[in-house]
Amino acid sequence: MANPFVHVELLTNDVARAKEFYSGLLDWKLEDVPNMDYTMINVGEGTGGGMMKHPMPGAPSNWMPYVLVDDVAASTEKAKSLGARIIKEVTEIPGIGWFSTFIDPTGAALSLWQMKREG
């Protein structure tokens, strides 16, 4: 499958409450990553994710999907050329990869993800 969804992230205004709710509802293993102020969601099989405090104060809590691309910079520029509004330019997560986030012409948000290649 070309460009699969690879990560789903909860951007929330109340991380503690979200962790309590989802760990009670679903069979997820939540693992805090303290140096990143982030919680990984391990679902076993399928696409995992994470949760974090929403980076845009006042914005409602929401789930953000990430799609795998080969070249996040080129894909971000292509999205822009097709009418997307870039809300997070290409950003590196050191040692892991790069992402960007945009709003498509219909108003929906999506993030692009490029893994760091080994070697």
PDB file of N, CA and C in Angstrom:
ATOM      1  N   MET A   1       0.844  -1.185   0.000  1.00  0.00           N
ATOM      2  CA  MET A   1       0.000   0.000   0.000  1.00  0.00           C
ATOM      3  C   MET A   1       0.881   1.238   0.000  1.00  0.00           C
ATOM      4  N   ALA A   2       0.629   2.134  -0.895  1.00  0.00           N
ATOM      5  CA  ALA A   2       1.412   3.369  -0.976  1.00  0.00           C
ATOM      6  C   ALA A   2       0.959   4.349   0.088  1.00  0.00           C
ATOM      7  N   ASN A   3       1.893   4.976   0.731  1.00  0.00           N
ATOM      8  CA  ASN A   3       1.639   6.015   1.723  1.00  0.00           C
ATOM      9  C   ASN A   3       0.608   5.616   2.781  1.00  0.00           C
ATOM     10  N   PRO A   4       0.934   4.623   3.606  1.00  0.00           N
ATOM     11  CA  PRO A   4       0.004   4.187   4.651  1.00  0.00           C
ATOM     12  C   PRO A   4      -0.036   5.161   5.829  1.00  0.00           C
ATOM     13  N   PHE A   5      -1.128   5.088   6.577  1.00  0.00           N
ATOM     14  CA  PHE A   5      -1.180   5.778   7.856  1.00  0.00           C
ATOM     15  C   PHE A   5      -0.250   5.028   8.797  1.00  0.00           C
ATOM     16  N   VAL A   6       0.647   5.745   9.496  1.00  0.00           N
ATOM     17  CA  VAL A   6       1.642   5.079  10.320  1.00  0.00           C
ATOM     18  C   VAL A   6       1.617   5.485  11.789  1.00  0.00           C
ATOM     19  N   HIS A   7       0.857   6.496  12.128  1.00  0.00           N
ATOM     20  CA  HIS A   7       0.850   6.995  13.507  1.00  0.00           C
ATOM     21  C   HIS A   7      -0.405   7.833  13.673  1.00  0.00           C
ATOM     22  N   VAL A   8      -1.026   7.761  14.835  1.00  0.00           N
ATOM     23  CA  VAL A   8      -2.187   8.586  15.129  1.00  0.00           C
ATOM     24  C   VAL A   8      -1.942   9.221  16.486  1.00  0.00           C
ATOM     25  N   GLU A   9      -2.076  10.536  16.552  1.00  0.00           N
ATOM     26  CA  GLU A   9      -1.687  11.266  17.748  1.00  0.00           C
ATOM     27  C   GLU A   9      -2.861  12.061  18.311  1.00  0.00           C
ATOM     28  N   LEU A  10      -3.053  11.953  19.615  1.00  0.00           N
ATOM     29  CA  LEU A  10      -4.066  12.747  20.287  1.00  0.00           C
ATOM     30  C   LEU A  10      -3.426  14.029  20.799  1.00  0.00           C
ATOM     31  N   LEU A  11      -3.908  15.152  20.301  1.00  0.00           N
ATOM     32  CA  LEU A  11      -3.493  16.461  20.790  1.00  0.00           C
ATOM     33  C   LEU A  11      -4.608  16.896  21.739  1.00  0.00           C
ATOM     34  N   THR A  12      -4.309  16.923  23.026  1.00  0.00           N
ATOM     35  CA  THR A  12      -5.353  17.120  24.023  1.00  0.00           C
ATOM     36  C   THR A  12      -5.023  18.242  25.002  1.00  0.00           C
ATOM     37  N   ASN A  13      -6.064  18.816  25.541  1.00  0.00           N
ATOM     38  CA  ASN A  13      -5.901  19.865  26.543  1.00  0.00           C
ATOM     39  C   ASN A  13      -5.808  19.290  27.954  1.00  0.00           C
ATOM     40  N   ASP A  14      -6.014  17.977  28.107  1.00  0.00           N
ATOM     41  CA  ASP A  14      -5.938  17.325  29.415  1.00  0.00           C
ATOM     42  C   ASP A  14      -5.360  15.918  29.239  1.00  0.00           C
ATOM     43  N   VAL A  15      -4.036  15.844  29.215  1.00  0.00           N
ATOM     44  CA  VAL A  15      -3.355  14.572  28.976  1.00  0.00           C
ATOM     45  C   VAL A  15      -3.698  13.550  30.055  1.00  0.00           C
ATOM     46  N   ALA A  16      -3.683  13.950  31.317  1.00  0.00           N
ATOM     47  CA  ALA A  16      -3.959  13.009  32.409  1.00  0.00           C
ATOM     48  C   ALA A  16      -5.347  12.387  32.262  1.00  0.00           C
ATOM     49  N   ARG A  17      -6.331  13.198  31.961  1.00  0.00           N
ATOM     50  CA  ARG A  17      -7.691  12.687  31.808  1.00  0.00           C
ATOM     51  C   ARG A  17      -7.793  11.765  30.585  1.00  0.00           C
ATOM     52  N   ALA A  18      -7.119  12.145  29.491  1.00  0.00           N
ATOM     53  CA  ALA A  18      -7.129  11.312  28.281  1.00  0.00           C
ATOM     54  C   ALA A  18      -6.489   9.958  28.562  1.00  0.00           C
ATOM     55  N   LYS A  19      -5.366   9.957  29.282  1.00  0.00           N
ATOM     56  CA  LYS A  19      -4.698   8.700  29.608  1.00  0.00           C
ATOM     57  C   LYS A  19      -5.599   7.814  30.462  1.00  0.00           C
ATOM     58  N   GLU A  20      -6.267   8.393  31.432  1.00  0.00           N
ATOM     59  CA  GLU A  20      -7.170   7.633  32.293  1.00  0.00           C
ATOM     60  C   GLU A  20      -8.325   7.053  31.470  1.00  0.00           C
ATOM     61  N   PHE A  21      -8.910   7.868  30.611  1.00  0.00           N
ATOM     62  CA  PHE A  21     -10.046   7.436  29.801  1.00  0.00           C
ATOM     63  C   PHE A  21      -9.661   6.297  28.853  1.00  0.00           C
ATOM     64  N   TYR A  22      -8.614   6.516  28.048  1.00  0.00           N
ATOM     65  CA  TYR A  22      -8.269   5.526  27.030  1.00  0.00           C
ATOM     66  C   TYR A  22      -7.679   4.250  27.614  1.00  0.00           C
ATOM     67  N   SER A  23      -6.956   4.343  28.730  1.00  0.00           N
ATOM     68  CA  SER A  23      -6.440   3.109  29.340  1.00  0.00           C
ATOM     69  C   SER A  23      -7.574   2.308  29.977  1.00  0.00           C
ATOM     70  N   GLY A  24      -8.648   2.984  30.390  1.00  0.00           N
ATOM     71  CA  GLY A  24      -9.819   2.286  30.908  1.00  0.00           C
ATOM     72  C   GLY A  24     -10.691   1.697  29.818  1.00  0.00           C
ATOM     73  N   LEU A  25     -10.721   2.368  28.670  1.00  0.00           N
ATOM     74  CA  LEU A  25     -11.586   1.941  27.575  1.00  0.00           C
ATOM     75  C   LEU A  25     -10.963   0.870  26.693  1.00  0.00           C
ATOM     76  N   LEU A  26      -9.694   1.031  26.382  1.00  0.00           N
ATOM     77  CA  LEU A  26      -9.038   0.186  25.377  1.00  0.00           C
ATOM     78  C   LEU A  26      -7.845  -0.552  25.961  1.00  0.00           C
ATOM     79  N   ASP A  27      -7.452  -1.608  25.306  1.00  0.00           N
ATOM     80  CA  ASP A  27      -6.316  -2.407  25.741  1.00  0.00           C
ATOM     81  C   ASP A  27      -5.027  -1.859  25.141  1.00  0.00           C
ATOM     82  N   TRP A  28      -4.713  -0.626  25.512  1.00  0.00           N
ATOM     83  CA  TRP A  28      -3.505   0.043  25.037  1.00  0.00           C
ATOM     84  C   TRP A  28      -2.468   0.058  26.149  1.00  0.00           C
ATOM     85  N   LYS A  29      -1.203  -0.061  25.759  1.00  0.00           N
ATOM     86  CA  LYS A  29      -0.110   0.118  26.707  1.00  0.00           C
ATOM     87  C   LYS A  29       0.402   1.544  26.514  1.00  0.00           C
ATOM     88  N   LEU A  30       0.279   2.365  27.548  1.00  0.00           N
ATOM     89  CA  LEU A  30       0.734   3.751  27.482  1.00  0.00           C
ATOM     90  C   LEU A  30       2.104   3.850  28.132  1.00  0.00           C
ATOM     91  N   GLU A  31       3.037   4.489  27.422  1.00  0.00           N
ATOM     92  CA  GLU A  31       4.407   4.607  27.915  1.00  0.00           C
ATOM     93  C   GLU A  31       4.843   6.066  27.826  1.00  0.00           C
ATOM     94  N   ASP A  32       5.093   6.670  28.988  1.00  0.00           N
ATOM     95  CA  ASP A  32       5.532   8.065  29.017  1.00  0.00           C
ATOM     96  C   ASP A  32       6.960   8.200  28.518  1.00  0.00           C
ATOM     97  N   VAL A  33       7.197   9.249  27.749  1.00  0.00           N
ATOM     98  CA  VAL A  33       8.527   9.598  27.259  1.00  0.00           C
ATOM     99  C   VAL A  33       8.846  10.964  27.884  1.00  0.00           C
ATOM    100  N   PRO A  34       9.389  10.957  29.114  1.00  0.00           N
ATOM    101  CA  PRO A  34       9.529  12.197  29.883  1.00  0.00           C
ATOM    102  C   PRO A  34      10.338  13.301  29.211  1.00  0.00           C
ATOM    103  N   ASN A  35      11.435  12.952  28.547  1.00  0.00           N
ATOM    104  CA  ASN A  35      12.257  14.001  27.939  1.00  0.00           C
ATOM    105  C   ASN A  35      11.565  14.666  26.752  1.00  0.00           C
ATOM    106  N   MET A  36      10.438  14.090  26.315  1.00  0.00           N
ATOM    107  CA  MET A  36       9.679  14.681  25.217  1.00  0.00           C
ATOM    108  C   MET A  36       8.310  15.168  25.679  1.00  0.00           C
ATOM    109  N   ASP A  37       7.947  14.943  26.966  1.00  0.00           N
ATOM    110  CA  ASP A  37       6.615  15.274  27.470  1.00  0.00           C
ATOM    111  C   ASP A  37       5.559  14.682  26.544  1.00  0.00           C
ATOM    112  N   TYR A  38       5.678  13.376  26.328  1.00  0.00           N
ATOM    113  CA  TYR A  38       4.898  12.658  25.338  1.00  0.00           C
ATOM    114  C   TYR A  38       4.557  11.287  25.883  1.00  0.00           C
ATOM    115  N   THR A  39       3.424  10.740  25.477  1.00  0.00           N
ATOM    116  CA  THR A  39       3.027   9.390  25.856  1.00  0.00           C
ATOM    117  C   THR A  39       2.825   8.569  24.594  1.00  0.00           C
ATOM    118  N   MET A  40       3.581   7.479  24.470  1.00  0.00           N
ATOM    119  CA  MET A  40       3.430   6.574  23.335  1.00  0.00           C
ATOM    120  C   MET A  40       2.237   5.660  23.588  1.00  0.00           C
ATOM    121  N   ILE A  41       1.516   5.338  22.521  1.00  0.00           N
ATOM    122  CA  ILE A  41       0.403   4.394  22.577  1.00  0.00           C
ATOM    123  C   ILE A  41       0.820   3.156  21.800  1.00  0.00           C
ATOM    124  N   ASN A  42       0.986   2.037  22.516  1.00  0.00           N
ATOM    125  CA  ASN A  42       1.332   0.774  21.877  1.00  0.00           C
ATOM    126  C   ASN A  42       0.066  -0.061  21.815  1.00  0.00           C
ATOM    127  N   VAL A  43      -0.375  -0.362  20.606  1.00  0.00           N
ATOM    128  CA  VAL A  43      -1.623  -1.105  20.417  1.00  0.00           C
ATOM    129  C   VAL A  43      -1.380  -2.576  20.121  1.00  0.00           C
ATOM    130  N   GLY A  44      -0.122  -2.995  20.093  1.00  0.00           N
ATOM    131  CA  GLY A  44       0.196  -4.383  19.731  1.00  0.00           C
ATOM    132  C   GLY A  44       0.280  -4.489  18.225  1.00  0.00           C
ATOM    133  N   GLU A  45      -0.791  -4.913  17.571  1.00  0.00           N
ATOM    134  CA  GLU A  45      -0.842  -4.984  16.113  1.00  0.00           C
ATOM    135  C   GLU A  45      -1.522  -3.744  15.568  1.00  0.00           C
ATOM    136  N   GLY A  46      -1.112  -3.328  14.404  1.00  0.00           N
ATOM    137  CA  GLY A  46      -1.738  -2.169  13.769  1.00  0.00           C
ATOM    138  C   GLY A  46      -0.983  -0.884  14.061  1.00  0.00           C
ATOM    139  N   THR A  47      -1.588   0.204  13.675  1.00  0.00           N
ATOM    140  CA  THR A  47      -0.967   1.512  13.798  1.00  0.00           C
ATOM    141  C   THR A  47      -1.069   2.020  15.223  1.00  0.00           C
ATOM    142  N   GLY A  48       0.063   2.320  15.813  1.00  0.00           N
ATOM    143  CA  GLY A  48       0.107   2.886  17.150  1.00  0.00           C
ATOM    144  C   GLY A  48       0.056   4.395  17.092  1.00  0.00           C
ATOM    145  N   GLY A  49       0.374   5.008  18.197  1.00  0.00           N
ATOM    146  CA  GLY A  49       0.305   6.461  18.216  1.00  0.00           C
ATOM    147  C   GLY A  49       0.894   7.050  19.468  1.00  0.00           C
ATOM    148  N   GLY A  50       0.350   8.200  19.812  1.00  0.00           N
ATOM    149  CA  GLY A  50       0.825   8.908  20.979  1.00  0.00           C
ATOM    150  C   GLY A  50      -0.181   9.957  21.414  1.00  0.00           C
ATOM    151  N   MET A  51       0.127  10.577  22.540  1.00  0.00           N
ATOM    152  CA  MET A  51      -0.701  11.688  23.003  1.00  0.00           C
ATOM    153  C   MET A  51       0.188  12.717  23.667  1.00  0.00           C
ATOM    154  N   MET A  52      -0.238  13.969  23.531  1.00  0.00           N
ATOM    155  CA  MET A  52       0.531  15.075  24.076  1.00  0.00           C
ATOM    156  C   MET A  52      -0.387  16.268  24.310  1.00  0.00           C
ATOM    157  N   LYS A  53       0.108  17.238  25.080  1.00  0.00           N
ATOM    158  CA  LYS A  53      -0.635  18.468  25.288  1.00  0.00           C
ATOM    159  C   LYS A  53      -0.739  19.190  23.953  1.00  0.00           C
ATOM    160  N   HIS A  54      -1.929  19.682  23.655  1.00  0.00           N
ATOM    161  CA  HIS A  54      -2.165  20.358  22.377  1.00  0.00           C
ATOM    162  C   HIS A  54      -1.219  21.552  22.254  1.00  0.00           C
ATOM    163  N   PRO A  55      -0.469  21.655  21.155  1.00  0.00           N
ATOM    164  CA  PRO A  55       0.494  22.750  21.000  1.00  0.00           C
ATOM    165  C   PRO A  55      -0.142  24.098  20.643  1.00  0.00           C
ATOM    166  N   MET A  56      -1.434  24.099  20.320  1.00  0.00           N
ATOM    167  CA  MET A  56      -2.107  25.345  19.955  1.00  0.00           C
ATOM    168  C   MET A  56      -3.113  25.695  21.051  1.00  0.00           C
ATOM    169  N   PRO A  57      -2.729  26.588  21.985  1.00  0.00           N
ATOM    170  CA  PRO A  57      -3.625  26.936  23.090  1.00  0.00           C
ATOM    171  C   PRO A  57      -5.000  27.376  22.588  1.00  0.00           C
ATOM    172  N   GLY A  58      -6.026  26.856  23.255  1.00  0.00           N
ATOM    173  CA  GLY A  58      -7.391  27.223  22.901  1.00  0.00           C
ATOM    174  C   GLY A  58      -8.012  26.364  21.824  1.00  0.00           C
ATOM    175  N   ALA A  59      -7.198  25.590  21.105  1.00  0.00           N
ATOM    176  CA  ALA A  59      -7.734  24.716  20.055  1.00  0.00           C
ATOM    177  C   ALA A  59      -8.358  23.492  20.717  1.00  0.00           C
ATOM    178  N   PRO A  60      -9.412  22.939  20.131  1.00  0.00           N
ATOM    179  CA  PRO A  60     -10.031  21.758  20.727  1.00  0.00           C
ATOM    180  C   PRO A  60      -9.141  20.531  20.595  1.00  0.00           C
ATOM    181  N   SER A  61      -9.302  19.598  21.532  1.00  0.00           N
ATOM    182  CA  SER A  61      -8.582  18.325  21.447  1.00  0.00           C
ATOM    183  C   SER A  61      -8.992  17.616  20.161  1.00  0.00           C
ATOM    184  N   ASN A  62      -8.037  16.938  19.537  1.00  0.00           N
ATOM    185  CA  ASN A  62      -8.336  16.218  18.297  1.00  0.00           C
ATOM    186  C   ASN A  62      -7.292  15.136  18.038  1.00  0.00           C
ATOM    187  N   TRP A  63      -7.679  14.174  17.202  1.00  0.00           N
ATOM    188  CA  TRP A  63      -6.770  13.129  16.756  1.00  0.00           C
ATOM    189  C   TRP A  63      -6.129  13.571  15.439  1.00  0.00           C
ATOM    190  N   MET A  64      -4.811  13.381  15.326  1.00  0.00           N
ATOM    191  CA  MET A  64      -4.059  13.761  14.125  1.00  0.00           C
ATOM    192  C   MET A  64      -3.421  12.513  13.516  1.00  0.00           C
ATOM    193  N   PRO A  65      -3.813  12.155  12.278  1.00  0.00           N
ATOM    194  CA  PRO A  65      -3.168  11.026  11.609  1.00  0.00           C
ATOM    195  C   PRO A  65      -1.879  11.460  10.895  1.00  0.00           C
ATOM    196  N   TYR A  66      -0.927  10.535  10.813  1.00  0.00           N
ATOM    197  CA  TYR A  66       0.336  10.748  10.094  1.00  0.00           C
ATOM    198  C   TYR A  66       0.419   9.745   8.960  1.00  0.00           C
ATOM    199  N   VAL A  67       0.850  10.202   7.786  1.00  0.00           N
ATOM    200  CA  VAL A  67       0.992   9.371   6.600  1.00  0.00           C
ATOM    201  C   VAL A  67       2.472   9.294   6.230  1.00  0.00           C
ATOM    202  N   LEU A  68       2.947   8.097   5.939  1.00  0.00           N
ATOM    203  CA  LEU A  68       4.345   7.881   5.573  1.00  0.00           C
ATOM    204  C   LEU A  68       4.616   8.366   4.152  1.00  0.00           C
ATOM    205  N   VAL A  69       5.694   9.142   3.995  1.00  0.00           N
ATOM    206  CA  VAL A  69       6.144   9.597   2.683  1.00  0.00           C
ATOM    207  C   VAL A  69       7.646   9.347   2.568  1.00  0.00           C
ATOM    208  N   ASP A  70       8.148   9.285   1.337  1.00  0.00           N
ATOM    209  CA  ASP A  70       9.583   9.084   1.115  1.00  0.00           C
ATOM    210  C   ASP A  70      10.385  10.356   1.352  1.00  0.00           C
ATOM    211  N   ASP A  71       9.800  11.515   1.026  1.00  0.00           N
ATOM    212  CA  ASP A  71      10.496  12.800   1.124  1.00  0.00           C
ATOM    213  C   ASP A  71       9.512  13.834   1.672  1.00  0.00           C
ATOM    214  N   VAL A  72       9.596  14.091   2.968  1.00  0.00           N
ATOM    215  CA  VAL A  72       8.619  14.975   3.606  1.00  0.00           C
ATOM    216  C   VAL A  72       8.705  16.403   3.065  1.00  0.00           C
ATOM    217  N   ALA A  73       9.896  16.869   2.734  1.00  0.00           N
ATOM    218  CA  ALA A  73      10.022  18.235   2.210  1.00  0.00           C
ATOM    219  C   ALA A  73       9.328  18.355   0.854  1.00  0.00           C
ATOM    220  N   ALA A  74       9.582  17.406  -0.034  1.00  0.00           N
ATOM    221  CA  ALA A  74       8.954  17.436  -1.361  1.00  0.00           C
ATOM    222  C   ALA A  74       7.439  17.261  -1.259  1.00  0.00           C
ATOM    223  N   SER A  75       6.994  16.352  -0.396  1.00  0.00           N
ATOM    224  CA  SER A  75       5.556  16.119  -0.236  1.00  0.00           C
ATOM    225  C   SER A  75       4.857  17.334   0.366  1.00  0.00           C
ATOM    226  N   THR A  76       5.528  18.030   1.279  1.00  0.00           N
ATOM    227  CA  THR A  76       4.964  19.242   1.875  1.00  0.00           C
ATOM    228  C   THR A  76       4.813  20.319   0.817  1.00  0.00           C
ATOM    229  N   GLU A  77       5.823  20.478  -0.010  1.00  0.00           N
ATOM    230  CA  GLU A  77       5.746  21.467  -1.096  1.00  0.00           C
ATOM    231  C   GLU A  77       4.656  21.103  -2.093  1.00  0.00           C
ATOM    232  N   LYS A  78       4.516  19.816  -2.381  1.00  0.00           N
ATOM    233  CA  LYS A  78       3.466  19.375  -3.307  1.00  0.00           C
ATOM    234  C   LYS A  78       2.084  19.670  -2.729  1.00  0.00           C
ATOM    235  N   ALA A  79       1.912  19.397  -1.429  1.00  0.00           N
ATOM    236  CA  ALA A  79       0.632  19.701  -0.776  1.00  0.00           C
ATOM    237  C   ALA A  79       0.322  21.196  -0.893  1.00  0.00           C
ATOM    238  N   LYS A  80       1.340  22.007  -0.669  1.00  0.00           N
ATOM    239  CA  LYS A  80       1.172  23.468  -0.768  1.00  0.00           C
ATOM    240  C   LYS A  80       0.771  23.862  -2.190  1.00  0.00           C
ATOM    241  N   SER A  81       1.411  23.260  -3.182  1.00  0.00           N
ATOM    242  CA  SER A  81       1.099  23.595  -4.579  1.00  0.00           C
ATOM    243  C   SER A  81      -0.316  23.168  -4.970  1.00  0.00           C
ATOM    244  N   LEU A  82      -0.856  22.195  -4.236  1.00  0.00           N
ATOM    245  CA  LEU A  82      -2.214  21.712  -4.510  1.00  0.00           C
ATOM    246  C   LEU A  82      -3.270  22.442  -3.673  1.00  0.00           C
ATOM    247  N   GLY A  83      -2.835  23.460  -2.922  1.00  0.00           N
ATOM    248  CA  GLY A  83      -3.786  24.291  -2.183  1.00  0.00           C
ATOM    249  C   GLY A  83      -3.806  24.118  -0.682  1.00  0.00           C
ATOM    250  N   ALA A  84      -2.892  23.312  -0.122  1.00  0.00           N
ATOM    251  CA  ALA A  84      -2.846  23.138   1.329  1.00  0.00           C
ATOM    252  C   ALA A  84      -2.224  24.361   1.989  1.00  0.00           C
ATOM    253  N   ARG A  85      -2.628  24.590   3.236  1.00  0.00           N
ATOM    254  CA  ARG A  85      -2.023  25.637   4.069  1.00  0.00           C
ATOM    255  C   ARG A  85      -1.135  24.925   5.080  1.00  0.00           C
ATOM    256  N   ILE A  86       0.159  25.196   5.031  1.00  0.00           N
ATOM    257  CA  ILE A  86       1.119  24.537   5.913  1.00  0.00           C
ATOM    258  C   ILE A  86       1.023  25.179   7.296  1.00  0.00           C
ATOM    259  N   ILE A  87       0.749  24.364   8.310  1.00  0.00           N
ATOM    260  CA  ILE A  87       0.673  24.919   9.666  1.00  0.00           C
ATOM    261  C   ILE A  87       1.867  24.515  10.524  1.00  0.00           C
ATOM    262  N   LYS A  88       2.630  23.517  10.084  1.00  0.00           N
ATOM    263  CA  LYS A  88       3.885  23.152  10.746  1.00  0.00           C
ATOM    264  C   LYS A  88       4.856  22.752   9.647  1.00  0.00           C
ATOM    265  N   GLU A  89       5.862  23.589   9.448  1.00  0.00           N
ATOM    266  CA  GLU A  89       6.875  23.290   8.444  1.00  0.00           C
ATOM    267  C   GLU A  89       7.618  22.013   8.826  1.00  0.00           C
ATOM    268  N   VAL A  90       8.373  21.474   7.905  1.00  0.00           N
ATOM    269  CA  VAL A  90       9.138  20.254   8.156  1.00  0.00           C
ATOM    270  C   VAL A  90       9.977  20.442   9.419  1.00  0.00           C
ATOM    271  N   THR A  91       9.796  19.515  10.348  1.00  0.00           N
ATOM    272  CA  THR A  91      10.448  19.580  11.657  1.00  0.00           C
ATOM    273  C   THR A  91      11.082  18.229  11.949  1.00  0.00           C
ATOM    274  N   GLU A  92      12.311  18.258  12.434  1.00  0.00           N
ATOM    275  CA  GLU A  92      13.008  17.016  12.756  1.00  0.00           C
ATOM    276  C   GLU A  92      12.736  16.590  14.187  1.00  0.00           C
ATOM    277  N   ILE A  93      12.520  15.309  14.378  1.00  0.00           N
ATOM    278  CA  ILE A  93      12.549  14.690  15.702  1.00  0.00           C
ATOM    279  C   ILE A  93      13.879  13.947  15.713  1.00  0.00           C
ATOM    280  N   PRO A  94      14.882  14.505  16.398  1.00  0.00           N
ATOM    281  CA  PRO A  94      16.250  13.992  16.311  1.00  0.00           C
ATOM    282  C   PRO A  94      16.352  12.481  16.495  1.00  0.00           C
ATOM    283  N   GLY A  95      17.059  11.870  15.557  1.00  0.00           N
ATOM    284  CA  GLY A  95      17.309  10.441  15.600  1.00  0.00           C
ATOM    285  C   GLY A  95      16.147   9.568  15.144  1.00  0.00           C
ATOM    286  N   ILE A  96      14.978  10.197  14.848  1.00  0.00           N
ATOM    287  CA  ILE A  96      13.798   9.403  14.505  1.00  0.00           C
ATOM    288  C   ILE A  96      13.297   9.701  13.096  1.00  0.00           C
ATOM    289  N   GLY A  97      13.101  10.991  12.778  1.00  0.00           N
ATOM    290  CA  GLY A  97      12.587  11.349  11.464  1.00  0.00           C
ATOM    291  C   GLY A  97      12.104  12.778  11.404  1.00  0.00           C
ATOM    292  N   TRP A  98      11.267  13.079  10.408  1.00  0.00           N
ATOM    293  CA  TRP A  98      10.777  14.431  10.163  1.00  0.00           C
ATOM    294  C   TRP A  98       9.278  14.396   9.900  1.00  0.00           C
ATOM    295  N   PHE A  99       8.607  15.504  10.242  1.00  0.00           N
ATOM    296  CA  PHE A  99       7.177  15.597   9.966  1.00  0.00           C
ATOM    297  C   PHE A  99       6.812  17.016   9.569  1.00  0.00           C
ATOM    298  N   SER A 100       5.659  17.152   8.970  1.00  0.00           N
ATOM    299  CA  SER A 100       5.053  18.457   8.707  1.00  0.00           C
ATOM    300  C   SER A 100       3.544  18.275   8.848  1.00  0.00           C
ATOM    301  N   THR A 101       2.832  19.369   8.995  1.00  0.00           N
ATOM    302  CA  THR A 101       1.376  19.318   9.138  1.00  0.00           C
ATOM    303  C   THR A 101       0.756  20.390   8.265  1.00  0.00           C
ATOM    304  N   PHE A 102      -0.354  20.035   7.633  1.00  0.00           N
ATOM    305  CA  PHE A 102      -1.045  21.005   6.791  1.00  0.00           C
ATOM    306  C   PHE A 102      -2.549  20.889   6.963  1.00  0.00           C
ATOM    307  N   ILE A 103      -3.245  21.915   6.480  1.00  0.00           N
ATOM    308  CA  ILE A 103      -4.700  21.910   6.383  1.00  0.00           C
ATOM    309  C   ILE A 103      -5.008  21.800   4.894  1.00  0.00           C
ATOM    310  N   ASP A 104      -5.763  20.781   4.521  1.00  0.00           N
ATOM    311  CA  ASP A 104      -6.072  20.592   3.101  1.00  0.00           C
ATOM    312  C   ASP A 104      -7.120  21.612   2.635  1.00  0.00           C
ATOM    313  N   PRO A 105      -7.388  21.698   1.338  1.00  0.00           N
ATOM    314  CA  PRO A 105      -8.341  22.694   0.835  1.00  0.00           C
ATOM    315  C   PRO A 105      -9.764  22.547   1.379  1.00  0.00           C
ATOM    316  N   THR A 106     -10.082  21.388   1.985  1.00  0.00           N
ATOM    317  CA  THR A 106     -11.423  21.207   2.566  1.00  0.00           C
ATOM    318  C   THR A 106     -11.471  21.550   4.045  1.00  0.00           C
ATOM    319  N   GLY A 107     -10.297  21.863   4.644  1.00  0.00           N
ATOM    320  CA  GLY A 107     -10.249  22.234   6.052  1.00  0.00           C
ATOM    321  C   GLY A 107      -9.779  21.132   6.984  1.00  0.00           C
ATOM    322  N   ALA A 108      -9.427  19.955   6.450  1.00  0.00           N
ATOM    323  CA  ALA A 108      -8.974  18.840   7.289  1.00  0.00           C
ATOM    324  C   ALA A 108      -7.461  18.889   7.485  1.00  0.00           C
ATOM    325  N   ALA A 109      -7.018  18.555   8.699  1.00  0.00           N
ATOM    326  CA  ALA A 109      -5.593  18.534   9.015  1.00  0.00           C
ATOM    327  C   ALA A 109      -5.015  17.149   8.772  1.00  0.00           C
ATOM    328  N   LEU A 110      -3.755  17.099   8.344  1.00  0.00           N
ATOM    329  CA  LEU A 110      -3.032  15.850   8.137  1.00  0.00           C
ATOM    330  C   LEU A 110      -1.554  16.121   8.336  1.00  0.00           C
ATOM    331  N   SER A 111      -0.846  15.138   8.891  1.00  0.00           N
ATOM    332  CA  SER A 111       0.601  15.245   9.043  1.00  0.00           C
ATOM    333  C   SER A 111       1.290  14.231   8.138  1.00  0.00           C
ATOM    334  N   LEU A 112       2.445  14.618   7.639  1.00  0.00           N
ATOM    335  CA  LEU A 112       3.288  13.750   6.816  1.00  0.00           C
ATOM    336  C   LEU A 112       4.472  13.312   7.657  1.00  0.00           C
ATOM    337  N   TRP A 113       4.962  12.079   7.442  1.00  0.00           N
ATOM    338  CA  TRP A 113       6.047  11.532   8.244  1.00  0.00           C
ATOM    339  C   TRP A 113       7.079  10.856   7.354  1.00  0.00           C
ATOM    340  N   GLN A 114       8.361  11.156   7.591  1.00  0.00           N
ATOM    341  CA  GLN A 114       9.478  10.505   6.912  1.00  0.00           C
ATOM    342  C   GLN A 114      10.405   9.950   7.985  1.00  0.00           C
ATOM    343  N   MET A 115      10.611   8.636   7.954  1.00  0.00           N
ATOM    344  CA  MET A 115      11.536   7.986   8.902  1.00  0.00           C
ATOM    345  C   MET A 115      12.975   8.315   8.526  1.00  0.00           C
ATOM    346  N   LYS A 116      13.811   8.418   9.547  1.00  0.00           N
ATOM    347  CA  LYS A 116      15.243   8.550   9.320  1.00  0.00           C
ATOM    348  C   LYS A 116      15.750   7.212   8.797  1.00  0.00           C
ATOM    349  N   ARG A 117      16.510   7.265   7.739  1.00  0.00           N
ATOM    350  CA  ARG A 117      17.072   6.031   7.178  1.00  0.00           C
ATOM    351  C   ARG A 117      18.332   5.654   7.944  1.00  0.00           C
ATOM    352  N   GLU A 118      18.441   4.366   8.222  1.00  0.00           N
ATOM    353  CA  GLU A 118      19.625   3.861   8.934  1.00  0.00           C
ATOM    354  C   GLU A 118      20.829   3.855   7.995  1.00  0.00           C
ATOM    355  N   GLY A 119      21.989   4.130   8.579  1.00  0.00           N
ATOM    356  CA  GLY A 119      23.203   4.020   7.791  1.00  0.00           C
ATOM    357  C   GLY A 119      23.644   5.317   7.334  1.00  0.00           C
TER     358      GLY A 119
END
